[in-house]
Amino acid sequence: MITKEDVRAAAKRLIESRLGNIRSSLHDLDSAIRNDTKSSAGDKHETSRAMAHLEQEKLSGQLSLLESQLNAIDTQHTAHVLLITDKGNFYIGVPLGKLSVNNTEVICISRTSPLGGLLYNVPVNSQVSLNSISYKVLERL
């Protein structure tokens, strides 16, 4: 049996792991840019630096998103819901996709997602439908 706290802890570990990977990639990119010396092929050098800066911007955006998700896990976790349905287990709080928690698959979705919005306030033994798929809430944890 999984608990909401089990899912929250697993989600937090996943986010922290992803944050570490992105921070490492940003550090590597920064080092590469600083150590890059101007080659004789000027255009090639400028293109390389521009691509590295674009990658830095992309990673910085991902970093910001993950930091906001980590903040939500830490500060808004009481508003997060773990639902056991006839179609699977859903953690409504942060959109992380599939997560394995104690050998149980949980799909982490946002409350603002179409399915998350429908399921969030549904009482136990009630059903909602999305895209011709019906979801019956069996447990609310």
N, C-alpha and C. Protein backbone atom coordinates (compact mmCIF):
# COMPACT_ATOMS: atom_id res chain seq x y z
N MET A 1 0.85 -1.18 0.00
CA MET A 1 0.00 0.00 0.00
C MET A 1 0.89 1.24 0.00
N ILE A 2 0.61 2.15 -0.88
CA ILE A 2 1.38 3.39 -0.92
C ILE A 2 0.62 4.50 -0.20
N THR A 3 1.36 5.48 0.23
CA THR A 3 0.75 6.63 0.89
C THR A 3 1.11 7.90 0.10
N LYS A 4 0.37 8.93 0.38
CA LYS A 4 0.65 10.21 -0.25
C LYS A 4 2.06 10.68 0.10
N GLU A 5 2.49 10.43 1.32
CA GLU A 5 3.83 10.84 1.75
C GLU A 5 4.91 10.06 1.01
N ASP A 6 4.65 8.77 0.73
CA ASP A 6 5.60 7.97 -0.06
C ASP A 6 5.79 8.58 -1.44
N VAL A 7 4.68 8.96 -2.06
CA VAL A 7 4.74 9.54 -3.41
C VAL A 7 5.42 10.90 -3.36
N ARG A 8 5.08 11.69 -2.37
CA ARG A 8 5.70 13.01 -2.22
C ARG A 8 7.21 12.88 -2.07
N ALA A 9 7.67 11.95 -1.25
CA ALA A 9 9.11 11.76 -1.04
C ALA A 9 9.79 11.29 -2.33
N ALA A 10 9.16 10.37 -3.05
CA ALA A 10 9.73 9.89 -4.32
C ALA A 10 9.78 11.01 -5.36
N ALA A 11 8.73 11.82 -5.42
CA ALA A 11 8.69 12.94 -6.35
C ALA A 11 9.79 13.95 -6.01
N LYS A 12 9.98 14.20 -4.74
CA LYS A 12 11.02 15.14 -4.30
C LYS A 12 12.40 14.63 -4.68
N ARG A 13 12.64 13.33 -4.47
CA ARG A 13 13.94 12.75 -4.85
C ARG A 13 14.18 12.86 -6.35
N LEU A 14 13.14 12.60 -7.15
CA LEU A 14 13.27 12.70 -8.60
C LEU A 14 13.59 14.13 -9.03
N ILE A 15 12.88 15.09 -8.47
CA ILE A 15 13.13 16.50 -8.81
C ILE A 15 14.55 16.90 -8.41
N GLU A 16 14.97 16.51 -7.21
CA GLU A 16 16.32 16.86 -6.75
C GLU A 16 17.38 16.22 -7.64
N SER A 17 17.14 15.01 -8.10
CA SER A 17 18.07 14.34 -9.01
C SER A 17 18.16 15.09 -10.34
N ARG A 18 17.00 15.47 -10.87
CA ARG A 18 16.98 16.22 -12.13
C ARG A 18 17.66 17.57 -11.96
N LEU A 19 17.45 18.22 -10.82
CA LEU A 19 18.11 19.51 -10.55
C LEU A 19 19.62 19.34 -10.55
N GLY A 20 20.10 18.29 -9.92
CA GLY A 20 21.54 18.02 -9.89
C GLY A 20 22.10 17.82 -11.28
N ASN A 21 21.40 17.07 -12.11
CA ASN A 21 21.85 16.84 -13.49
C ASN A 21 21.91 18.13 -14.29
N ILE A 22 20.89 18.96 -14.14
CA ILE A 22 20.87 20.22 -14.90
C ILE A 22 21.95 21.17 -14.40
N ARG A 23 22.14 21.24 -13.09
CA ARG A 23 23.19 22.11 -12.55
C ARG A 23 24.57 21.66 -13.04
N SER A 24 24.77 20.36 -13.10
CA SER A 24 26.03 19.81 -13.60
C SER A 24 26.22 20.17 -15.08
N SER A 25 25.16 20.03 -15.87
CA SER A 25 25.24 20.37 -17.29
C SER A 25 25.51 21.86 -17.48
N LEU A 26 24.87 22.70 -16.68
CA LEU A 26 25.12 24.14 -16.77
C LEU A 26 26.57 24.47 -16.40
N HIS A 27 27.08 23.82 -15.39
CA HIS A 27 28.47 24.04 -14.99
C HIS A 27 29.42 23.63 -16.12
N ASP A 28 29.15 22.47 -16.73
CA ASP A 28 29.99 22.00 -17.84
C ASP A 28 29.95 22.97 -19.02
N LEU A 29 28.75 23.45 -19.35
CA LEU A 29 28.62 24.40 -20.45
C LEU A 29 29.36 25.70 -20.15
N ASP A 30 29.21 26.18 -18.92
CA ASP A 30 29.89 27.41 -18.53
C ASP A 30 31.40 27.25 -18.65
N SER A 31 31.90 26.11 -18.19
CA SER A 31 33.35 25.85 -18.30
C SER A 31 33.79 25.79 -19.76
N ALA A 32 32.99 25.14 -20.59
CA ALA A 32 33.32 25.02 -22.01
C ALA A 32 33.35 26.39 -22.68
N ILE A 33 32.40 27.23 -22.34
CA ILE A 33 32.36 28.57 -22.94
C ILE A 33 33.57 29.40 -22.49
N ARG A 34 33.90 29.33 -21.21
CA ARG A 34 35.03 30.10 -20.70
C ARG A 34 36.36 29.60 -21.27
N ASN A 35 36.47 28.31 -21.49
CA ASN A 35 37.72 27.73 -21.98
C ASN A 35 37.84 27.73 -23.50
N ASP A 36 36.77 28.09 -24.16
CA ASP A 36 36.77 28.10 -25.63
C ASP A 36 37.61 29.28 -26.12
N THR A 37 38.63 28.98 -26.88
CA THR A 37 39.46 30.05 -27.43
C THR A 37 39.07 30.27 -28.88
N LYS A 38 39.26 31.47 -29.31
CA LYS A 38 38.88 31.82 -30.68
C LYS A 38 39.77 31.06 -31.66
N SER A 39 39.11 30.30 -32.50
CA SER A 39 39.86 29.53 -33.50
C SER A 39 40.03 30.36 -34.76
N SER A 40 40.76 29.80 -35.69
CA SER A 40 40.97 30.51 -36.95
C SER A 40 39.70 30.53 -37.79
N ALA A 41 38.81 29.62 -37.52
CA ALA A 41 37.53 29.59 -38.23
C ALA A 41 36.54 30.42 -37.42
N GLY A 42 36.56 31.72 -37.58
CA GLY A 42 35.78 32.66 -36.79
C GLY A 42 34.29 32.37 -36.77
N ASP A 43 33.68 32.15 -37.92
CA ASP A 43 32.24 31.89 -37.97
C ASP A 43 31.88 30.61 -37.23
N LYS A 44 32.73 29.62 -37.39
CA LYS A 44 32.48 28.34 -36.72
C LYS A 44 32.53 28.52 -35.20
N HIS A 45 33.49 29.31 -34.75
CA HIS A 45 33.64 29.59 -33.32
C HIS A 45 32.40 30.32 -32.79
N GLU A 46 31.96 31.35 -33.50
CA GLU A 46 30.80 32.12 -33.06
C GLU A 46 29.54 31.26 -33.04
N THR A 47 29.39 30.39 -34.03
CA THR A 47 28.24 29.48 -34.07
C THR A 47 28.27 28.54 -32.88
N SER A 48 29.44 28.03 -32.56
CA SER A 48 29.60 27.13 -31.42
C SER A 48 29.22 27.82 -30.12
N ARG A 49 29.68 29.05 -29.94
CA ARG A 49 29.35 29.81 -28.73
C ARG A 49 27.86 30.13 -28.66
N ALA A 50 27.28 30.47 -29.78
CA ALA A 50 25.84 30.78 -29.81
C ALA A 50 25.02 29.54 -29.44
N MET A 51 25.42 28.40 -29.96
CA MET A 51 24.72 27.16 -29.63
C MET A 51 24.85 26.84 -28.14
N ALA A 52 26.02 27.06 -27.59
CA ALA A 52 26.23 26.81 -26.16
C ALA A 52 25.36 27.75 -25.32
N HIS A 53 25.24 29.01 -25.74
CA HIS A 53 24.39 29.96 -25.01
C HIS A 53 22.92 29.58 -25.11
N LEU A 54 22.49 29.09 -26.28
CA LEU A 54 21.11 28.63 -26.43
C LEU A 54 20.83 27.44 -25.50
N GLU A 55 21.78 26.53 -25.42
CA GLU A 55 21.64 25.38 -24.53
C GLU A 55 21.58 25.83 -23.07
N GLN A 56 22.39 26.83 -22.73
CA GLN A 56 22.35 27.37 -21.36
C GLN A 56 20.97 27.95 -21.05
N GLU A 57 20.40 28.69 -21.99
CA GLU A 57 19.07 29.27 -21.78
C GLU A 57 18.01 28.19 -21.60
N LYS A 58 18.09 27.14 -22.41
CA LYS A 58 17.14 26.03 -22.30
C LYS A 58 17.26 25.35 -20.94
N LEU A 59 18.49 25.06 -20.52
CA LEU A 59 18.71 24.42 -19.23
C LEU A 59 18.30 25.32 -18.07
N SER A 60 18.52 26.61 -18.21
CA SER A 60 18.11 27.55 -17.16
C SER A 60 16.59 27.56 -17.00
N GLY A 61 15.87 27.47 -18.12
CA GLY A 61 14.41 27.39 -18.06
C GLY A 61 13.96 26.11 -17.36
N GLN A 62 14.61 25.00 -17.68
CA GLN A 62 14.28 23.74 -17.03
C GLN A 62 14.60 23.80 -15.54
N LEU A 63 15.70 24.45 -15.21
CA LEU A 63 16.10 24.60 -13.81
C LEU A 63 15.03 25.39 -13.04
N SER A 64 14.55 26.47 -13.62
CA SER A 64 13.51 27.28 -12.97
C SER A 64 12.23 26.48 -12.74
N LEU A 65 11.84 25.71 -13.76
CA LEU A 65 10.64 24.89 -13.64
C LEU A 65 10.78 23.86 -12.52
N LEU A 66 11.92 23.18 -12.49
CA LEU A 66 12.14 22.17 -11.45
C LEU A 66 12.20 22.79 -10.06
N GLU A 67 12.80 23.97 -9.95
CA GLU A 67 12.85 24.65 -8.65
C GLU A 67 11.45 25.03 -8.18
N SER A 68 10.58 25.44 -9.11
CA SER A 68 9.20 25.77 -8.72
C SER A 68 8.44 24.50 -8.33
N GLN A 69 8.72 23.38 -9.00
CA GLN A 69 8.08 22.12 -8.63
C GLN A 69 8.55 21.66 -7.26
N LEU A 70 9.83 21.80 -6.98
CA LEU A 70 10.35 21.44 -5.67
C LEU A 70 9.73 22.31 -4.58
N ASN A 71 9.57 23.59 -4.87
CA ASN A 71 8.92 24.50 -3.93
C ASN A 71 7.48 24.06 -3.68
N ALA A 72 6.77 23.66 -4.74
CA ALA A 72 5.39 23.21 -4.60
C ALA A 72 5.32 21.93 -3.75
N ILE A 73 6.27 21.03 -3.96
CA ILE A 73 6.32 19.79 -3.17
C ILE A 73 6.52 20.12 -1.69
N ASP A 74 7.37 21.11 -1.42
CA ASP A 74 7.69 21.46 -0.03
C ASP A 74 6.62 22.31 0.65
N THR A 75 6.00 23.21 -0.09
CA THR A 75 5.09 24.16 0.56
C THR A 75 3.61 23.90 0.33
N GLN A 76 3.27 23.24 -0.77
CA GLN A 76 1.86 23.05 -1.09
C GLN A 76 1.42 21.59 -1.01
N HIS A 77 2.26 20.75 -0.41
CA HIS A 77 1.98 19.31 -0.41
C HIS A 77 0.66 18.95 0.26
N THR A 78 0.18 19.77 1.18
CA THR A 78 -1.09 19.45 1.83
C THR A 78 -2.26 19.55 0.86
N ALA A 79 -2.10 20.33 -0.21
CA ALA A 79 -3.15 20.45 -1.22
C ALA A 79 -3.05 19.36 -2.28
N HIS A 80 -1.97 18.58 -2.26
CA HIS A 80 -1.80 17.51 -3.23
C HIS A 80 -2.64 16.31 -2.81
N VAL A 81 -3.08 15.54 -3.81
CA VAL A 81 -3.99 14.43 -3.56
C VAL A 81 -3.46 13.17 -4.24
N LEU A 82 -3.55 12.05 -3.56
CA LEU A 82 -3.26 10.75 -4.16
C LEU A 82 -4.58 10.03 -4.34
N LEU A 83 -4.90 9.72 -5.60
CA LEU A 83 -6.15 9.03 -5.91
C LEU A 83 -5.87 7.65 -6.48
N ILE A 84 -6.57 6.69 -5.97
CA ILE A 84 -6.53 5.34 -6.52
C ILE A 84 -7.80 5.20 -7.34
N THR A 85 -7.64 4.97 -8.64
CA THR A 85 -8.80 4.83 -9.51
C THR A 85 -8.79 3.45 -10.16
N ASP A 86 -9.87 3.15 -10.87
CA ASP A 86 -9.93 1.88 -11.59
C ASP A 86 -9.00 1.88 -12.81
N LYS A 87 -8.46 3.04 -13.17
CA LYS A 87 -7.54 3.14 -14.32
C LYS A 87 -6.10 3.41 -13.90
N GLY A 88 -5.84 3.44 -12.61
CA GLY A 88 -4.48 3.67 -12.14
C GLY A 88 -4.44 4.61 -10.96
N ASN A 89 -3.23 4.89 -10.51
CA ASN A 89 -3.00 5.75 -9.36
C ASN A 89 -2.51 7.11 -9.85
N PHE A 90 -3.09 8.17 -9.30
CA PHE A 90 -2.76 9.53 -9.73
C PHE A 90 -2.40 10.39 -8.53
N TYR A 91 -1.24 11.02 -8.62
CA TYR A 91 -0.83 12.01 -7.63
C TYR A 91 -1.05 13.37 -8.27
N ILE A 92 -2.00 14.11 -7.75
CA ILE A 92 -2.32 15.41 -8.33
C ILE A 92 -1.59 16.47 -7.52
N GLY A 93 -0.58 17.03 -8.14
CA GLY A 93 0.24 18.02 -7.46
C GLY A 93 1.29 18.60 -8.38
N VAL A 94 2.21 17.77 -8.83
CA VAL A 94 3.27 18.22 -9.73
C VAL A 94 3.32 17.30 -10.95
N PRO A 95 3.48 17.86 -12.12
CA PRO A 95 3.48 17.05 -13.34
C PRO A 95 4.85 16.42 -13.62
N LEU A 96 5.03 15.19 -13.16
CA LEU A 96 6.31 14.50 -13.36
C LEU A 96 6.17 13.26 -14.23
N GLY A 97 4.95 12.90 -14.59
CA GLY A 97 4.75 11.68 -15.38
C GLY A 97 4.72 10.46 -14.48
N LYS A 98 5.10 9.32 -15.05
CA LYS A 98 5.05 8.06 -14.30
C LYS A 98 6.19 7.98 -13.29
N LEU A 99 5.84 7.47 -12.13
CA LEU A 99 6.78 7.33 -11.04
C LEU A 99 6.52 5.98 -10.38
N SER A 100 7.57 5.24 -10.08
CA SER A 100 7.41 3.98 -9.38
C SER A 100 7.67 4.20 -7.90
N VAL A 101 6.67 3.88 -7.10
CA VAL A 101 6.75 4.08 -5.66
C VAL A 101 6.40 2.76 -4.98
N ASN A 102 7.36 2.17 -4.28
CA ASN A 102 7.14 0.88 -3.61
C ASN A 102 6.56 -0.15 -4.58
N ASN A 103 7.14 -0.23 -5.76
CA ASN A 103 6.72 -1.16 -6.81
C ASN A 103 5.30 -0.92 -7.33
N THR A 104 4.81 0.29 -7.13
CA THR A 104 3.49 0.67 -7.62
C THR A 104 3.65 1.88 -8.53
N GLU A 105 3.01 1.81 -9.69
CA GLU A 105 3.10 2.92 -10.63
C GLU A 105 2.10 4.01 -10.26
N VAL A 106 2.60 5.24 -10.22
CA VAL A 106 1.78 6.41 -9.93
C VAL A 106 2.04 7.42 -11.03
N ILE A 107 0.98 8.01 -11.53
CA ILE A 107 1.12 9.05 -12.55
C ILE A 107 0.97 10.40 -11.85
N CYS A 108 2.02 11.20 -11.91
CA CYS A 108 2.02 12.51 -11.28
C CYS A 108 1.57 13.55 -12.30
N ILE A 109 0.46 14.22 -12.00
CA ILE A 109 -0.09 15.22 -12.90
C ILE A 109 -0.39 16.50 -12.13
N SER A 110 -0.56 17.55 -12.87
CA SER A 110 -0.87 18.85 -12.30
C SER A 110 -2.38 18.98 -12.09
N ARG A 111 -2.73 19.77 -11.12
CA ARG A 111 -4.15 20.07 -10.88
C ARG A 111 -4.74 20.86 -12.05
N THR A 112 -3.89 21.56 -12.79
CA THR A 112 -4.37 22.35 -13.91
C THR A 112 -4.46 21.55 -15.21
N SER A 113 -4.03 20.29 -15.18
CA SER A 113 -4.17 19.45 -16.37
C SER A 113 -5.64 19.07 -16.53
N PRO A 114 -6.06 18.70 -17.73
CA PRO A 114 -7.47 18.32 -17.91
C PRO A 114 -7.93 17.21 -16.95
N LEU A 115 -7.15 16.14 -16.85
CA LEU A 115 -7.54 15.05 -15.96
C LEU A 115 -7.39 15.44 -14.50
N GLY A 116 -6.33 16.13 -14.16
CA GLY A 116 -6.13 16.57 -12.78
C GLY A 116 -7.25 17.48 -12.30
N GLY A 117 -7.69 18.38 -13.17
CA GLY A 117 -8.79 19.27 -12.82
C GLY A 117 -10.09 18.53 -12.60
N LEU A 118 -10.32 17.50 -13.40
CA LEU A 118 -11.54 16.70 -13.25
C LEU A 118 -11.52 15.85 -11.98
N LEU A 119 -10.38 15.22 -11.72
CA LEU A 119 -10.29 14.27 -10.61
C LEU A 119 -10.12 14.92 -9.25
N TYR A 120 -9.58 16.11 -9.19
CA TYR A 120 -9.14 16.69 -7.92
C TYR A 120 -10.21 16.68 -6.83
N ASN A 121 -11.42 17.10 -7.14
CA ASN A 121 -12.46 17.20 -6.12
C ASN A 121 -13.50 16.08 -6.17
N VAL A 122 -13.23 15.04 -6.94
CA VAL A 122 -14.20 13.96 -7.09
C VAL A 122 -14.22 13.09 -5.83
N PRO A 123 -15.41 12.87 -5.26
CA PRO A 123 -15.48 12.01 -4.08
C PRO A 123 -15.26 10.53 -4.42
N VAL A 124 -14.94 9.76 -3.41
CA VAL A 124 -14.75 8.32 -3.57
C VAL A 124 -16.05 7.70 -4.11
N ASN A 125 -15.89 6.72 -4.98
CA ASN A 125 -16.97 5.99 -5.65
C ASN A 125 -17.70 6.82 -6.70
N SER A 126 -17.15 7.95 -7.07
CA SER A 126 -17.71 8.76 -8.15
C SER A 126 -16.88 8.57 -9.40
N GLN A 127 -17.44 8.95 -10.54
CA GLN A 127 -16.76 8.79 -11.82
C GLN A 127 -16.69 10.11 -12.57
N VAL A 128 -15.64 10.23 -13.36
CA VAL A 128 -15.51 11.34 -14.32
C VAL A 128 -15.07 10.73 -15.64
N SER A 129 -15.33 11.45 -16.71
CA SER A 129 -14.91 10.98 -18.03
C SER A 129 -14.11 12.05 -18.73
N LEU A 130 -13.09 11.58 -19.45
CA LEU A 130 -12.26 12.46 -20.26
C LEU A 130 -11.87 11.69 -21.51
N ASN A 131 -12.15 12.28 -22.67
CA ASN A 131 -11.84 11.64 -23.95
C ASN A 131 -12.40 10.22 -24.04
N SER A 132 -13.64 10.07 -23.65
CA SER A 132 -14.36 8.79 -23.70
C SER A 132 -13.79 7.73 -22.77
N ILE A 133 -12.97 8.12 -21.81
CA ILE A 133 -12.44 7.19 -20.82
C ILE A 133 -13.03 7.59 -19.46
N SER A 134 -13.61 6.62 -18.80
CA SER A 134 -14.23 6.86 -17.51
C SER A 134 -13.27 6.44 -16.39
N TYR A 135 -13.16 7.27 -15.37
CA TYR A 135 -12.29 7.01 -14.22
C TYR A 135 -13.16 6.98 -12.97
N LYS A 136 -13.11 5.87 -12.26
CA LYS A 136 -13.86 5.75 -10.99
C LYS A 136 -12.86 5.87 -9.85
N VAL A 137 -13.12 6.81 -8.95
CA VAL A 137 -12.25 7.02 -7.79
C VAL A 137 -12.57 5.97 -6.74
N LEU A 138 -11.58 5.13 -6.42
CA LEU A 138 -11.76 4.06 -5.44
C LEU A 138 -11.30 4.48 -4.05
N GLU A 139 -10.21 5.26 -4.00
CA GLU A 139 -9.67 5.76 -2.73
C GLU A 139 -9.10 7.15 -2.93
N ARG A 140 -9.17 7.92 -1.87
CA ARG A 140 -8.61 9.27 -1.87
C ARG A 140 -7.71 9.37 -0.65
N LEU A 141 -6.41 9.53 -0.92
CA LEU A 141 -5.43 9.56 0.19
C LEU A 141 -4.76 10.91 0.30
